[in-house]
Amino acid sequence: MKPIYKFSEQAQQDLTHIVDYTLKTWWQDQAHSYIDGLEARAKSLAQTLQIAKLYPDIHEGLRCFPYESHLLYFIEATHGINHCASTS
């Protein structure tokens, strides 16, 4: 089974804010493109999570990796990764 990613409730709220901001600033095409790219990065991280920096002093198993102007925080899970939050 291929590793997958799941967005937590907080991460889904973060994505909503990112979409809202992008829609107001750069319109619909850019919002779709940005979120598609962010989701592609999350999928890639589920398969190669070792490339992300580990932050064990904050939370056991917490990792972080950049995507354009945001940081993706996630934790390894049996299915792949749980995406915890996105910050700019």
Protein backbone atom coordinates (compact mmCIF):
# COMPACT_ATOMS: atom_id res chain seq x y z
CA MET A 1 0.00 0.00 0.00
CA LYS A 2 1.34 3.40 -0.96
CA PRO A 3 1.80 5.89 1.88
CA ILE A 4 -0.90 8.54 1.99
CA TYR A 5 -1.38 11.84 3.75
CA LYS A 6 -4.31 13.07 5.82
CA PHE A 7 -5.00 16.65 6.83
CA SER A 8 -5.96 17.29 10.44
CA GLU A 9 -8.87 19.61 11.23
CA GLN A 10 -6.37 22.40 11.98
CA ALA A 11 -4.55 21.80 8.69
CA GLN A 12 -7.87 21.94 6.81
CA GLN A 13 -8.62 25.29 8.46
CA ASP A 14 -5.14 26.50 7.46
CA LEU A 15 -5.82 25.45 3.85
CA THR A 16 -9.12 27.34 3.87
CA HIS A 17 -7.30 30.50 5.00
CA ILE A 18 -4.63 30.01 2.34
CA VAL A 19 -7.29 29.61 -0.37
CA ASP A 20 -9.24 32.66 0.85
CA TYR A 21 -6.11 34.82 0.89
CA THR A 22 -4.94 33.58 -2.50
CA LEU A 23 -8.38 34.17 -4.04
CA LYS A 24 -8.43 37.77 -2.76
CA THR A 25 -4.87 38.44 -3.86
CA TRP A 26 -4.26 36.45 -7.05
CA TRP A 27 -7.62 35.07 -8.20
CA GLN A 28 -9.00 31.59 -8.69
CA ASP A 29 -6.45 30.06 -11.08
CA GLN A 30 -3.57 30.85 -8.73
CA ALA A 31 -5.51 29.54 -5.71
CA HIS A 32 -6.15 26.20 -7.45
CA SER A 33 -2.56 25.97 -8.64
CA TYR A 34 -1.13 26.74 -5.19
CA ILE A 35 -3.34 24.24 -3.34
CA ASP A 36 -2.72 21.57 -5.99
CA GLY A 37 1.02 22.08 -5.53
CA LEU A 38 0.72 22.00 -1.74
CA GLU A 39 -1.24 18.74 -1.88
CA ALA A 40 1.31 17.26 -4.32
CA ARG A 41 4.07 18.18 -1.84
CA ALA A 42 2.14 16.50 0.99
CA LYS A 43 1.74 13.35 -1.13
CA SER A 44 5.46 13.39 -1.92
CA LEU A 45 6.35 13.83 1.75
CA ALA A 46 4.21 10.82 2.67
CA GLN A 47 6.49 8.73 0.45
CA THR A 48 9.83 10.36 1.39
CA LEU A 49 9.29 11.86 4.83
CA GLN A 50 12.98 11.50 5.71
CA ILE A 51 13.78 14.62 3.64
CA ALA A 52 11.85 16.78 6.12
CA LYS A 53 13.54 18.24 9.17
CA LEU A 54 12.72 16.50 12.45
CA TYR A 55 11.67 18.58 15.52
CA PRO A 56 11.62 16.08 18.42
CA ASP A 57 12.09 18.85 21.02
CA ILE A 58 8.66 20.28 20.05
CA HIS A 59 6.74 17.02 19.61
CA GLU A 60 7.85 13.42 19.12
CA GLY A 61 7.91 12.62 15.41
CA LEU A 62 7.12 16.17 14.28
CA ARG A 63 8.65 17.07 10.91
CA CYS A 64 8.59 20.20 8.79
CA PHE A 65 9.21 20.92 5.11
CA PRO A 66 8.75 24.11 3.07
CA TYR A 67 6.33 24.62 0.23
CA GLU A 68 6.73 28.00 -1.48
CA SER A 69 5.81 30.57 1.20
CA HIS A 70 4.46 28.05 3.72
CA LEU A 71 5.82 25.39 6.05
CA LEU A 72 4.12 22.00 6.24
CA TYR A 73 4.18 20.37 9.67
CA PHE A 74 3.39 16.68 9.90
CA ILE A 75 3.81 13.52 11.93
CA GLU A 76 4.56 10.05 10.60
CA ALA A 77 1.63 7.64 10.84
CA THR A 78 1.09 4.00 9.93
CA HIS A 79 -0.68 5.04 6.70
CA GLY A 80 1.94 7.66 5.73
CA ILE A 81 1.70 11.10 7.35
CA ASN A 82 -0.78 13.25 9.25
CA HIS A 83 -0.47 16.84 8.12
CA CYS A 84 -0.84 18.93 11.26
CA ALA A 85 -0.62 22.53 10.06
CA SER A 86 0.59 24.96 7.43
CA THR A 87 2.13 28.29 8.35
CA SER A 88 3.58 31.17 6.41
